[in-house]
Amino acid sequence: MSDYIQAWQCIGCGKIEAPQTCIGVCRDRKVYFVGKDEHDAALAEILRLHARLDQAAESLLRFEHAKPHPKQWQRAYEALRDQARAVRAMLQAD
């Protein structure tokens, strides 16, 4: 869990005050800030997950376009099943 800092940001000029609002001439709203390291780690995790989802979507295209040859449905089914298991294992990794 990341630590955050509560501050106040003016809705007009954008200035930031912490730990409390200024003398009252601005209209402030509460904002929260996280450290750069926590932000970078979260962003890296998001990018990693997007890459895995892209891999899964690409693998799923095989199912969309699959059309077994006559009398080959059993072999095609087994191949698609094995590929589905591989995609599921890839998504469950980590």
PDB file of N, CA and C in Angstrom:
ATOM      1  N   MET A   1       0.846  -1.169   0.000  1.00  0.00           N
ATOM      2  CA  MET A   1       0.000   0.000   0.000  1.00  0.00           C
ATOM      3  C   MET A   1       0.890   1.230   0.000  1.00  0.00           C
ATOM      4  N   SER A   2       0.577   2.170  -0.808  1.00  0.00           N
ATOM      5  CA  SER A   2       1.381   3.380  -0.922  1.00  0.00           C
ATOM      6  C   SER A   2       0.954   4.411   0.113  1.00  0.00           C
ATOM      7  N   ASP A   3       1.931   5.148   0.591  1.00  0.00           N
ATOM      8  CA  ASP A   3       1.625   6.290   1.442  1.00  0.00           C
ATOM      9  C   ASP A   3       1.283   7.458   0.542  1.00  0.00           C
ATOM     10  N   TYR A   4       0.442   8.321   1.013  1.00  0.00           N
ATOM     11  CA  TYR A   4       0.090   9.499   0.242  1.00  0.00           C
ATOM     12  C   TYR A   4       0.109  10.715   1.145  1.00  0.00           C
ATOM     13  N   ILE A   5       0.170  11.862   0.526  1.00  0.00           N
ATOM     14  CA  ILE A   5       0.182  13.129   1.242  1.00  0.00           C
ATOM     15  C   ILE A   5      -1.102  13.864   0.897  1.00  0.00           C
ATOM     16  N   GLN A   6      -1.819  14.299   1.914  1.00  0.00           N
ATOM     17  CA  GLN A   6      -3.022  15.092   1.676  1.00  0.00           C
ATOM     18  C   GLN A   6      -2.617  16.558   1.583  1.00  0.00           C
ATOM     19  N   ALA A   7      -3.123  17.233   0.595  1.00  0.00           N
ATOM     20  CA  ALA A   7      -2.837  18.655   0.408  1.00  0.00           C
ATOM     21  C   ALA A   7      -4.099  19.320  -0.124  1.00  0.00           C
ATOM     22  N   TRP A   8      -3.987  20.609  -0.354  1.00  0.00           N
ATOM     23  CA  TRP A   8      -5.109  21.378  -0.887  1.00  0.00           C
ATOM     24  C   TRP A   8      -4.645  22.103  -2.136  1.00  0.00           C
ATOM     25  N   GLN A   9      -5.449  22.039  -3.192  1.00  0.00           N
ATOM     26  CA  GLN A   9      -5.096  22.684  -4.453  1.00  0.00           C
ATOM     27  C   GLN A   9      -6.184  23.678  -4.826  1.00  0.00           C
ATOM     28  N   CYS A  10      -5.769  24.901  -5.182  1.00  0.00           N
ATOM     29  CA  CYS A  10      -6.716  25.929  -5.589  1.00  0.00           C
ATOM     30  C   CYS A  10      -7.346  25.540  -6.919  1.00  0.00           C
ATOM     31  N   ILE A  11      -8.664  25.652  -7.004  1.00  0.00           N
ATOM     32  CA  ILE A  11      -9.342  25.310  -8.259  1.00  0.00           C
ATOM     33  C   ILE A  11      -9.168  26.402  -9.304  1.00  0.00           C
ATOM     34  N   GLY A  12      -8.686  27.560  -8.899  1.00  0.00           N
ATOM     35  CA  GLY A  12      -8.473  28.661  -9.837  1.00  0.00           C
ATOM     36  C   GLY A  12      -7.050  28.716 -10.359  1.00  0.00           C
ATOM     37  N   CYS A  13      -6.097  28.932  -9.444  1.00  0.00           N
ATOM     38  CA  CYS A  13      -4.717  29.145  -9.883  1.00  0.00           C
ATOM     39  C   CYS A  13      -3.861  27.884  -9.842  1.00  0.00           C
ATOM     40  N   GLY A  14      -4.308  26.829  -9.137  1.00  0.00           N
ATOM     41  CA  GLY A  14      -3.569  25.575  -9.098  1.00  0.00           C
ATOM     42  C   GLY A  14      -2.522  25.473  -8.004  1.00  0.00           C
ATOM     43  N   LYS A  15      -2.352  26.518  -7.192  1.00  0.00           N
ATOM     44  CA  LYS A  15      -1.340  26.455  -6.139  1.00  0.00           C
ATOM     45  C   LYS A  15      -1.681  25.336  -5.167  1.00  0.00           C
ATOM     46  N   ILE A  16      -0.647  24.811  -4.501  1.00  0.00           N
ATOM     47  CA  ILE A  16      -0.818  23.689  -3.580  1.00  0.00           C
ATOM     48  C   ILE A  16      -0.373  24.120  -2.197  1.00  0.00           C
ATOM     49  N   GLU A  17      -1.193  23.803  -1.209  1.00  0.00           N
ATOM     50  CA  GLU A  17      -0.893  24.109   0.188  1.00  0.00           C
ATOM     51  C   GLU A  17      -0.977  22.811   0.985  1.00  0.00           C
ATOM     52  N   ALA A  18      -0.089  22.642   1.939  1.00  0.00           N
ATOM     53  CA  ALA A  18      -0.147  21.481   2.834  1.00  0.00           C
ATOM     54  C   ALA A  18       0.462  21.898   4.150  1.00  0.00           C
ATOM     55  N   PRO A  19       0.052  21.467   5.251  1.00  0.00           N
ATOM     56  CA  PRO A  19      -0.974  20.453   5.489  1.00  0.00           C
ATOM     57  C   PRO A  19      -2.389  21.011   5.598  1.00  0.00           C
ATOM     58  N   GLN A  20      -2.593  22.301   5.401  1.00  0.00           N
ATOM     59  CA  GLN A  20      -3.939  22.872   5.494  1.00  0.00           C
ATOM     60  C   GLN A  20      -4.111  23.925   4.405  1.00  0.00           C
ATOM     61  N   THR A  21      -5.320  24.424   4.290  1.00  0.00           N
ATOM     62  CA  THR A  21      -5.603  25.435   3.274  1.00  0.00           C
ATOM     63  C   THR A  21      -4.940  26.755   3.634  1.00  0.00           C
ATOM     64  N   CYS A  22      -4.892  27.654   2.674  1.00  0.00           N
ATOM     65  CA  CYS A  22      -4.303  28.974   2.917  1.00  0.00           C
ATOM     66  C   CYS A  22      -5.288  29.859   3.681  1.00  0.00           C
ATOM     67  N   ILE A  23      -5.095  31.148   3.606  1.00  0.00           N
ATOM     68  CA  ILE A  23      -5.886  32.076   4.423  1.00  0.00           C
ATOM     69  C   ILE A  23      -7.329  32.244   3.954  1.00  0.00           C
ATOM     70  N   GLY A  24      -7.713  31.627   2.848  1.00  0.00           N
ATOM     71  CA  GLY A  24      -9.109  31.642   2.462  1.00  0.00           C
ATOM     72  C   GLY A  24      -9.456  32.486   1.267  1.00  0.00           C
ATOM     73  N   VAL A  25      -8.497  33.069   0.587  1.00  0.00           N
ATOM     74  CA  VAL A  25      -8.825  33.874  -0.580  1.00  0.00           C
ATOM     75  C   VAL A  25      -9.035  33.012  -1.817  1.00  0.00           C
ATOM     76  N   CYS A  26      -8.601  31.794  -1.767  1.00  0.00           N
ATOM     77  CA  CYS A  26      -8.775  30.861  -2.893  1.00  0.00           C
ATOM     78  C   CYS A  26      -9.857  29.842  -2.548  1.00  0.00           C
ATOM     79  N   ARG A  27     -10.361  29.177  -3.553  1.00  0.00           N
ATOM     80  CA  ARG A  27     -11.284  28.058  -3.342  1.00  0.00           C
ATOM     81  C   ARG A  27     -10.478  26.791  -3.541  1.00  0.00           C
ATOM     82  N   ASP A  28     -10.292  26.034  -2.467  1.00  0.00           N
ATOM     83  CA  ASP A  28      -9.440  24.855  -2.493  1.00  0.00           C
ATOM     84  C   ASP A  28     -10.253  23.575  -2.551  1.00  0.00           C
ATOM     85  N   ARG A  29      -9.622  22.552  -3.067  1.00  0.00           N
ATOM     86  CA  ARG A  29     -10.184  21.208  -3.031  1.00  0.00           C
ATOM     87  C   ARG A  29      -9.103  20.282  -2.511  1.00  0.00           C
ATOM     88  N   LYS A  30      -9.530  19.217  -1.846  1.00  0.00           N
ATOM     89  CA  LYS A  30      -8.593  18.268  -1.278  1.00  0.00           C
ATOM     90  C   LYS A  30      -8.015  17.406  -2.403  1.00  0.00           C
ATOM     91  N   VAL A  31      -6.697  17.208  -2.397  1.00  0.00           N
ATOM     92  CA  VAL A  31      -6.023  16.344  -3.356  1.00  0.00           C
ATOM     93  C   VAL A  31      -5.069  15.440  -2.590  1.00  0.00           C
ATOM     94  N   TYR A  32      -4.660  14.352  -3.218  1.00  0.00           N
ATOM     95  CA  TYR A  32      -3.713  13.432  -2.622  1.00  0.00           C
ATOM     96  C   TYR A  32      -2.557  13.235  -3.587  1.00  0.00           C
ATOM     97  N   PHE A  33      -1.359  13.134  -3.044  1.00  0.00           N
ATOM     98  CA  PHE A  33      -0.160  12.927  -3.841  1.00  0.00           C
ATOM     99  C   PHE A  33       0.535  11.653  -3.379  1.00  0.00           C
ATOM    100  N   VAL A  34       1.119  10.943  -4.306  1.00  0.00           N
ATOM    101  CA  VAL A  34       1.942   9.775  -3.974  1.00  0.00           C
ATOM    102  C   VAL A  34       3.358  10.067  -4.440  1.00  0.00           C
ATOM    103  N   GLY A  35       4.290   9.358  -3.870  1.00  0.00           N
ATOM    104  CA  GLY A  35       5.683   9.545  -4.249  1.00  0.00           C
ATOM    105  C   GLY A  35       5.958   9.046  -5.660  1.00  0.00           C
ATOM    106  N   LYS A  36       6.987   9.559  -6.276  1.00  0.00           N
ATOM    107  CA  LYS A  36       7.349   9.185  -7.644  1.00  0.00           C
ATOM    108  C   LYS A  36       7.669   7.704  -7.752  1.00  0.00           C
ATOM    109  N   ASP A  37       8.367   7.148  -6.760  1.00  0.00           N
ATOM    110  CA  ASP A  37       8.704   5.724  -6.811  1.00  0.00           C
ATOM    111  C   ASP A  37       7.447   4.856  -6.813  1.00  0.00           C
ATOM    112  N   GLU A  38       6.474   5.183  -5.955  1.00  0.00           N
ATOM    113  CA  GLU A  38       5.232   4.421  -5.925  1.00  0.00           C
ATOM    114  C   GLU A  38       4.468   4.569  -7.230  1.00  0.00           C
ATOM    115  N   HIS A  39       4.441   5.773  -7.764  1.00  0.00           N
ATOM    116  CA  HIS A  39       3.760   6.012  -9.037  1.00  0.00           C
ATOM    117  C   HIS A  39       4.421   5.220 -10.157  1.00  0.00           C
ATOM    118  N   ASP A  40       5.751   5.265 -10.228  1.00  0.00           N
ATOM    119  CA  ASP A  40       6.470   4.536 -11.269  1.00  0.00           C
ATOM    120  C   ASP A  40       6.245   3.028 -11.161  1.00  0.00           C
ATOM    121  N   ALA A  41       6.219   2.504  -9.924  1.00  0.00           N
ATOM    122  CA  ALA A  41       5.978   1.072  -9.731  1.00  0.00           C
ATOM    123  C   ALA A  41       4.570   0.693 -10.188  1.00  0.00           C
ATOM    124  N   ALA A  42       3.588   1.511  -9.847  1.00  0.00           N
ATOM    125  CA  ALA A  42       2.214   1.236 -10.261  1.00  0.00           C
ATOM    126  C   ALA A  42       2.081   1.314 -11.780  1.00  0.00           C
ATOM    127  N   LEU A  43       2.708   2.294 -12.388  1.00  0.00           N
ATOM    128  CA  LEU A  43       2.660   2.431 -13.839  1.00  0.00           C
ATOM    129  C   LEU A  43       3.319   1.241 -14.523  1.00  0.00           C
ATOM    130  N   ALA A  44       4.443   0.778 -14.006  1.00  0.00           N
ATOM    131  CA  ALA A  44       5.128  -0.390 -14.577  1.00  0.00           C
ATOM    132  C   ALA A  44       4.246  -1.626 -14.484  1.00  0.00           C
ATOM    133  N   GLU A  45       3.561  -1.784 -13.364  1.00  0.00           N
ATOM    134  CA  GLU A  45       2.659  -2.932 -13.202  1.00  0.00           C
ATOM    135  C   GLU A  45       1.489  -2.849 -14.172  1.00  0.00           C
ATOM    136  N   ILE A  46       0.951  -1.667 -14.364  1.00  0.00           N
ATOM    137  CA  ILE A  46      -0.142  -1.484 -15.327  1.00  0.00           C
ATOM    138  C   ILE A  46       0.319  -1.837 -16.729  1.00  0.00           C
ATOM    139  N   LEU A  47       1.487  -1.372 -17.117  1.00  0.00           N
ATOM    140  CA  LEU A  47       2.013  -1.673 -18.454  1.00  0.00           C
ATOM    141  C   LEU A  47       2.264  -3.171 -18.621  1.00  0.00           C
ATOM    142  N   ARG A  48       2.760  -3.839 -17.567  1.00  0.00           N
ATOM    143  CA  ARG A  48       3.003  -5.280 -17.624  1.00  0.00           C
ATOM    144  C   ARG A  48       1.688  -6.032 -17.807  1.00  0.00           C
ATOM    145  N   LEU A  49       0.661  -5.622 -17.077  1.00  0.00           N
ATOM    146  CA  LEU A  49      -0.634  -6.277 -17.191  1.00  0.00           C
ATOM    147  C   LEU A  49      -1.270  -6.036 -18.558  1.00  0.00           C
ATOM    148  N   HIS A  50      -1.113  -4.833 -19.089  1.00  0.00           N
ATOM    149  CA  HIS A  50      -1.631  -4.556 -20.438  1.00  0.00           C
ATOM    150  C   HIS A  50      -0.939  -5.438 -21.469  1.00  0.00           C
ATOM    151  N   ALA A  51       0.359  -5.642 -21.327  1.00  0.00           N
ATOM    152  CA  ALA A  51       1.090  -6.499 -22.258  1.00  0.00           C
ATOM    153  C   ALA A  51       0.578  -7.933 -22.178  1.00  0.00           C
ATOM    154  N   ARG A  52       0.309  -8.413 -20.972  1.00  0.00           N
ATOM    155  CA  ARG A  52      -0.221  -9.775 -20.820  1.00  0.00           C
ATOM    156  C   ARG A  52      -1.613  -9.893 -21.415  1.00  0.00           C
ATOM    157  N   LEU A  53      -2.438  -8.873 -21.227  1.00  0.00           N
ATOM    158  CA  LEU A  53      -3.772  -8.903 -21.826  1.00  0.00           C
ATOM    159  C   LEU A  53      -3.696  -8.873 -23.349  1.00  0.00           C
ATOM    160  N   ASP A  54      -2.761  -8.101 -23.883  1.00  0.00           N
ATOM    161  CA  ASP A  54      -2.571  -8.070 -25.335  1.00  0.00           C
ATOM    162  C   ASP A  54      -2.160  -9.439 -25.856  1.00  0.00           C
ATOM    163  N   GLN A  55      -1.275 -10.130 -25.120  1.00  0.00           N
ATOM    164  CA  GLN A  55      -0.868 -11.485 -25.507  1.00  0.00           C
ATOM    165  C   GLN A  55      -2.073 -12.421 -25.495  1.00  0.00           C
ATOM    166  N   ALA A  56      -2.889 -12.320 -24.463  1.00  0.00           N
ATOM    167  CA  ALA A  56      -4.064 -13.182 -24.355  1.00  0.00           C
ATOM    168  C   ALA A  56      -5.044 -12.900 -25.495  1.00  0.00           C
ATOM    169  N   ALA A  57      -5.264 -11.635 -25.793  1.00  0.00           N
ATOM    170  CA  ALA A  57      -6.181 -11.274 -26.879  1.00  0.00           C
ATOM    171  C   ALA A  57      -5.674 -11.805 -28.213  1.00  0.00           C
ATOM    172  N   GLU A  58      -4.368 -11.714 -28.426  1.00  0.00           N
ATOM    173  CA  GLU A  58      -3.786 -12.229 -29.663  1.00  0.00           C
ATOM    174  C   GLU A  58      -3.959 -13.747 -29.755  1.00  0.00           C
ATOM    175  N   SER A  59      -3.777 -14.433 -28.641  1.00  0.00           N
ATOM    176  CA  SER A  59      -3.960 -15.887 -28.633  1.00  0.00           C
ATOM    177  C   SER A  59      -5.416 -16.262 -28.877  1.00  0.00           C
ATOM    178  N   LEU A  60      -6.333 -15.461 -28.351  1.00  0.00           N
ATOM    179  CA  LEU A  60      -7.752 -15.765 -28.518  1.00  0.00           C
ATOM    180  C   LEU A  60      -8.223 -15.611 -29.959  1.00  0.00           C
ATOM    181  N   LEU A  61      -7.475 -14.864 -30.762  1.00  0.00           N
ATOM    182  CA  LEU A  61      -7.843 -14.742 -32.178  1.00  0.00           C
ATOM    183  C   LEU A  61      -7.836 -16.106 -32.871  1.00  0.00           C
ATOM    184  N   ARG A  62      -6.998 -17.023 -32.392  1.00  0.00           N
ATOM    185  CA  ARG A  62      -6.976 -18.365 -32.986  1.00  0.00           C
ATOM    186  C   ARG A  62      -8.329 -19.045 -32.829  1.00  0.00           C
ATOM    187  N   PHE A  63      -8.980 -18.832 -31.682  1.00  0.00           N
ATOM    188  CA  PHE A  63     -10.288 -19.447 -31.470  1.00  0.00           C
ATOM    189  C   PHE A  63     -11.338 -18.829 -32.384  1.00  0.00           C
ATOM    190  N   GLU A  64     -11.234 -17.535 -32.561  1.00  0.00           N
ATOM    191  CA  GLU A  64     -12.195 -16.824 -33.404  1.00  0.00           C
ATOM    192  C   GLU A  64     -12.130 -17.305 -34.850  1.00  0.00           C
ATOM    193  N   HIS A  65     -10.926 -17.585 -35.316  1.00  0.00           N
ATOM    194  CA  HIS A  65     -10.747 -17.948 -36.724  1.00  0.00           C
ATOM    195  C   HIS A  65     -10.639 -19.455 -36.952  1.00  0.00           C
ATOM    196  N   ALA A  66     -10.777 -20.243 -35.915  1.00  0.00           N
ATOM    197  CA  ALA A  66     -10.638 -21.689 -36.053  1.00  0.00           C
ATOM    198  C   ALA A  66     -11.810 -22.273 -36.842  1.00  0.00           C
ATOM    199  N   LYS A  67     -11.478 -23.116 -37.799  1.00  0.00           N
ATOM    200  CA  LYS A  67     -12.489 -23.821 -38.585  1.00  0.00           C
ATOM    201  C   LYS A  67     -11.896 -25.185 -38.948  1.00  0.00           C
ATOM    202  N   PRO A  68     -12.264 -26.208 -38.178  1.00  0.00           N
ATOM    203  CA  PRO A  68     -11.667 -27.518 -38.428  1.00  0.00           C
ATOM    204  C   PRO A  68     -12.064 -28.082 -39.795  1.00  0.00           C
ATOM    205  N   HIS A  69     -11.157 -28.852 -40.329  1.00  0.00           N
ATOM    206  CA  HIS A  69     -11.455 -29.568 -41.576  1.00  0.00           C
ATOM    207  C   HIS A  69     -12.472 -30.673 -41.282  1.00  0.00           C
ATOM    208  N   PRO A  70     -13.197 -31.081 -42.288  1.00  0.00           N
ATOM    209  CA  PRO A  70     -14.156 -32.171 -42.062  1.00  0.00           C
ATOM    210  C   PRO A  70     -13.450 -33.387 -41.443  1.00  0.00           C
ATOM    211  N   LYS A  71     -14.109 -33.997 -40.509  1.00  0.00           N
ATOM    212  CA  LYS A  71     -13.629 -35.188 -39.808  1.00  0.00           C
ATOM    213  C   LYS A  71     -12.353 -34.942 -38.994  1.00  0.00           C
ATOM    214  N   GLN A  72     -12.008 -33.678 -38.754  1.00  0.00           N
ATOM    215  CA  GLN A  72     -10.835 -33.340 -37.943  1.00  0.00           C
ATOM    216  C   GLN A  72     -11.209 -32.541 -36.698  1.00  0.00           C
ATOM    217  N   TRP A  73     -12.500 -32.509 -36.384  1.00  0.00           N
ATOM    218  CA  TRP A  73     -12.942 -31.668 -35.278  1.00  0.00           C
ATOM    219  C   TRP A  73     -12.321 -32.079 -33.949  1.00  0.00           C
ATOM    220  N   GLN A  74     -12.134 -33.383 -33.723  1.00  0.00           N
ATOM    221  CA  GLN A  74     -11.575 -33.843 -32.446  1.00  0.00           C
ATOM    222  C   GLN A  74     -10.147 -33.324 -32.258  1.00  0.00           C
ATOM    223  N   ARG A  75      -9.322 -33.438 -33.279  1.00  0.00           N
ATOM    224  CA  ARG A  75      -7.938 -32.961 -33.188  1.00  0.00           C
ATOM    225  C   ARG A  75      -7.900 -31.439 -33.047  1.00  0.00           C
ATOM    226  N   ALA A  76      -8.783 -30.736 -33.776  1.00  0.00           N
ATOM    227  CA  ALA A  76      -8.837 -29.278 -33.682  1.00  0.00           C
ATOM    228  C   ALA A  76      -9.295 -28.851 -32.289  1.00  0.00           C
ATOM    229  N   TYR A  77     -10.286 -29.556 -31.750  1.00  0.00           N
ATOM    230  CA  TYR A  77     -10.772 -29.251 -30.418  1.00  0.00           C
ATOM    231  C   TYR A  77      -9.656 -29.422 -29.394  1.00  0.00           C
ATOM    232  N   GLU A  78      -8.925 -30.503 -29.481  1.00  0.00           N
ATOM    233  CA  GLU A  78      -7.851 -30.761 -28.526  1.00  0.00           C
ATOM    234  C   GLU A  78      -6.743 -29.712 -28.626  1.00  0.00           C
ATOM    235  N   ALA A  79      -6.422 -29.294 -29.843  1.00  0.00           N
ATOM    236  CA  ALA A  79      -5.394 -28.265 -30.021  1.00  0.00           C
ATOM    237  C   ALA A  79      -5.855 -26.932 -29.440  1.00  0.00           C
ATOM    238  N   LEU A  80      -7.098 -26.562 -29.699  1.00  0.00           N
ATOM    239  CA  LEU A  80      -7.631 -25.314 -29.147  1.00  0.00           C
ATOM    240  C   LEU A  80      -7.731 -25.379 -27.626  1.00  0.00           C
ATOM    241  N   ARG A  81      -8.114 -26.542 -27.101  1.00  0.00           N
ATOM    242  CA  ARG A  81      -8.182 -26.708 -25.650  1.00  0.00           C
ATOM    243  C   ARG A  81      -6.803 -26.516 -25.020  1.00  0.00           C
ATOM    244  N   ASP A  82      -5.783 -27.107 -25.630  1.00  0.00           N
ATOM    245  CA  ASP A  82      -4.421 -26.968 -25.111  1.00  0.00           C
ATOM    246  C   ASP A  82      -3.949 -25.520 -25.173  1.00  0.00           C
ATOM    247  N   GLN A  83      -4.308 -24.835 -26.250  1.00  0.00           N
ATOM    248  CA  GLN A  83      -3.935 -23.418 -26.362  1.00  0.00           C
ATOM    249  C   GLN A  83      -4.680 -22.583 -25.325  1.00  0.00           C
ATOM    250  N   ALA A  84      -5.944 -22.905 -25.052  1.00  0.00           N
ATOM    251  CA  ALA A  84      -6.709 -22.185 -24.035  1.00  0.00           C
ATOM    252  C   ALA A  84      -6.077 -22.395 -22.664  1.00  0.00           C
ATOM    253  N   ARG A  85      -5.629 -23.584 -22.383  1.00  0.00           N
ATOM    254  CA  ARG A  85      -4.963 -23.849 -21.111  1.00  0.00           C
ATOM    255  C   ARG A  85      -3.662 -23.050 -20.997  1.00  0.00           C
ATOM    256  N   ALA A  86      -2.940 -22.941 -22.104  1.00  0.00           N
ATOM    257  CA  ALA A  86      -1.695 -22.167 -22.097  1.00  0.00           C
ATOM    258  C   ALA A  86      -1.968 -20.687 -21.843  1.00  0.00           C
ATOM    259  N   VAL A  87      -3.019 -20.152 -22.454  1.00  0.00           N
ATOM    260  CA  VAL A  87      -3.387 -18.751 -22.235  1.00  0.00           C
ATOM    261  C   VAL A  87      -3.784 -18.543 -20.775  1.00  0.00           C
ATOM    262  N   ARG A  88      -4.582 -19.452 -20.230  1.00  0.00           N
ATOM    263  CA  ARG A  88      -4.997 -19.340 -18.837  1.00  0.00           C
ATOM    264  C   ARG A  88      -3.797 -19.414 -17.893  1.00  0.00           C
ATOM    265  N   ALA A  89      -2.876 -20.312 -18.178  1.00  0.00           N
ATOM    266  CA  ALA A  89      -1.671 -20.431 -17.345  1.00  0.00           C
ATOM    267  C   ALA A  89      -0.845 -19.151 -17.418  1.00  0.00           C
ATOM    268  N   MET A  90      -0.740 -18.565 -18.615  1.00  0.00           N
ATOM    269  CA  MET A  90       0.003 -17.319 -18.777  1.00  0.00           C
ATOM    270  C   MET A  90      -0.639 -16.203 -17.965  1.00  0.00           C
ATOM    271  N   LEU A  91      -1.967 -16.143 -17.954  1.00  0.00           N
ATOM    272  CA  LEU A  91      -2.660 -15.100 -17.209  1.00  0.00           C
ATOM    273  C   LEU A  91      -2.563 -15.311 -15.697  1.00  0.00           C
ATOM    274  N   GLN A  92      -2.459 -16.554 -15.272  1.00  0.00           N
ATOM    275  CA  GLN A  92      -2.386 -16.840 -13.845  1.00  0.00           C
ATOM    276  C   GLN A  92      -0.972 -16.793 -13.300  1.00  0.00           C
ATOM    277  N   ALA A  93       0.025 -16.692 -14.172  1.00  0.00           N
ATOM    278  CA  ALA A  93       1.419 -16.647 -13.722  1.00  0.00           C
ATOM    279  C   ALA A  93       1.651 -15.433 -12.837  1.00  0.00           C
ATOM    280  N   ASP A  94       2.577 -15.530 -11.950  1.00  0.00           N
ATOM    281  CA  ASP A  94       2.944 -14.484 -10.966  1.00  0.00           C
ATOM    282  C   ASP A  94       1.985 -14.555  -9.860  1.00  0.00           C
TER     283      ASP A  94
END
